[in-house]
Amino acid sequence: MLRWTVIFVVLAIIAAIFGFGGIAAGAASIAKILFFIFVVLFIISLIAGRKSV
């Protein structure tokens, strides 16, 4: 999931460089959503890993 976040961030940066504002904003918002989902899943997996031990 973190890989997809990086891909969308790079896509947003490239689109912003070439002047495609709408595409850059869409890719940046998708990257932000994926990043927060990744962080939440990471925290849940840390909590679940500690309880099983």
Protein backbone atom coordinates (compact mmCIF):
# COMPACT_ATOMS: atom_id res chain seq x y z
CA MET A 1 0.00 0.00 0.00
CA LEU A 2 2.86 2.37 0.70
CA ARG A 3 4.13 1.69 -2.82
CA TRP A 4 0.84 2.96 -4.29
CA THR A 5 1.10 6.08 -2.14
CA VAL A 6 4.56 6.81 -3.51
CA ILE A 7 3.36 6.18 -7.08
CA PHE A 8 0.49 8.65 -6.71
CA VAL A 9 2.76 11.26 -5.10
CA VAL A 10 5.21 10.98 -7.98
CA LEU A 11 2.33 11.17 -10.46
CA ALA A 12 1.03 14.30 -8.72
CA ILE A 13 4.46 15.94 -8.82
CA ILE A 14 4.95 15.15 -12.51
CA ALA A 15 1.45 16.38 -13.36
CA ALA A 16 2.06 19.59 -11.40
CA ILE A 17 5.34 20.21 -13.22
CA PHE A 18 3.62 19.91 -16.59
CA GLY A 19 0.72 22.13 -15.50
CA PHE A 20 -2.09 19.60 -15.16
CA GLY A 21 -3.59 21.03 -11.97
CA GLY A 22 -6.70 18.85 -11.83
CA ILE A 23 -4.82 15.62 -12.34
CA ALA A 24 -2.18 16.66 -9.81
CA ALA A 25 -4.82 17.49 -7.19
CA GLY A 26 -6.61 14.19 -7.77
CA ALA A 27 -3.43 12.15 -7.52
CA ALA A 28 -2.34 14.02 -4.40
CA SER A 29 -5.68 13.41 -2.69
CA ILE A 30 -5.55 9.70 -3.55
CA ALA A 31 -1.99 9.53 -2.19
CA LYS A 32 -3.06 11.23 1.03
CA ILE A 33 -5.96 8.81 1.54
CA LEU A 34 -3.77 5.77 0.85
CA PHE A 35 -1.12 7.06 3.24
CA PHE A 36 -3.59 7.45 6.10
CA ILE A 37 -5.02 3.98 5.43
CA PHE A 38 -1.46 2.61 5.53
CA VAL A 39 -0.74 4.35 8.83
CA VAL A 40 -3.95 3.04 10.43
CA LEU A 41 -3.29 -0.52 9.27
CA PHE A 42 0.31 -0.29 10.49
CA ILE A 43 -0.79 0.83 13.96
CA ILE A 44 -3.42 -1.92 14.12
CA SER A 45 -0.85 -4.53 13.16
CA LEU A 46 1.55 -3.25 15.84
CA ILE A 47 -1.17 -3.45 18.50
CA ALA A 48 -2.30 -6.90 17.34
CA GLY A 49 1.31 -8.17 17.31
CA ARG A 50 1.92 -7.10 20.89
CA LYS A 51 -1.25 -8.70 22.22
CA SER A 52 -0.51 -12.10 20.68
CA VAL A 53 2.90 -12.41 22.38
